[in-house]
């Protein structure tokens, strides 16, 4: 069992930055992949960024590439999402997820992730 708790969301002006955190507890943190997803009202959940087991690989959605950075601190059992140059279209609830079955690659499908946090709201004002 893995428990995930996100934090760091808030209201920011366009062009600004936020750093989200996702604290994990339960199974050995470094032994599974992590991902960030987002869901805006009336839209499907979409993949934002992912980081493989042991942080060997990262992968980003085209819409955030060059602006967002995913990282993990295994000593703190925490994964981060640094978001820079935020745009109004980044407004959504951001959720972190754990993939405990896949090793070595980043999966982008929400259905492949086994555990989810409750989400944190990010609102970007234009």
Foldseek 3Di string as FASTA:
>chain_A
DKAKAKDWADEEAAQAKIKMKIAMDDPQLLQWKKFKWWDAPPGDIFTAKIAFRNRPDIDGDPVQPPFWDWDDDSVRNMIMIIGGRDDQVVWTWMKMFIQNPDHDDTDTDPVRTDDIYPTDTHGYHD
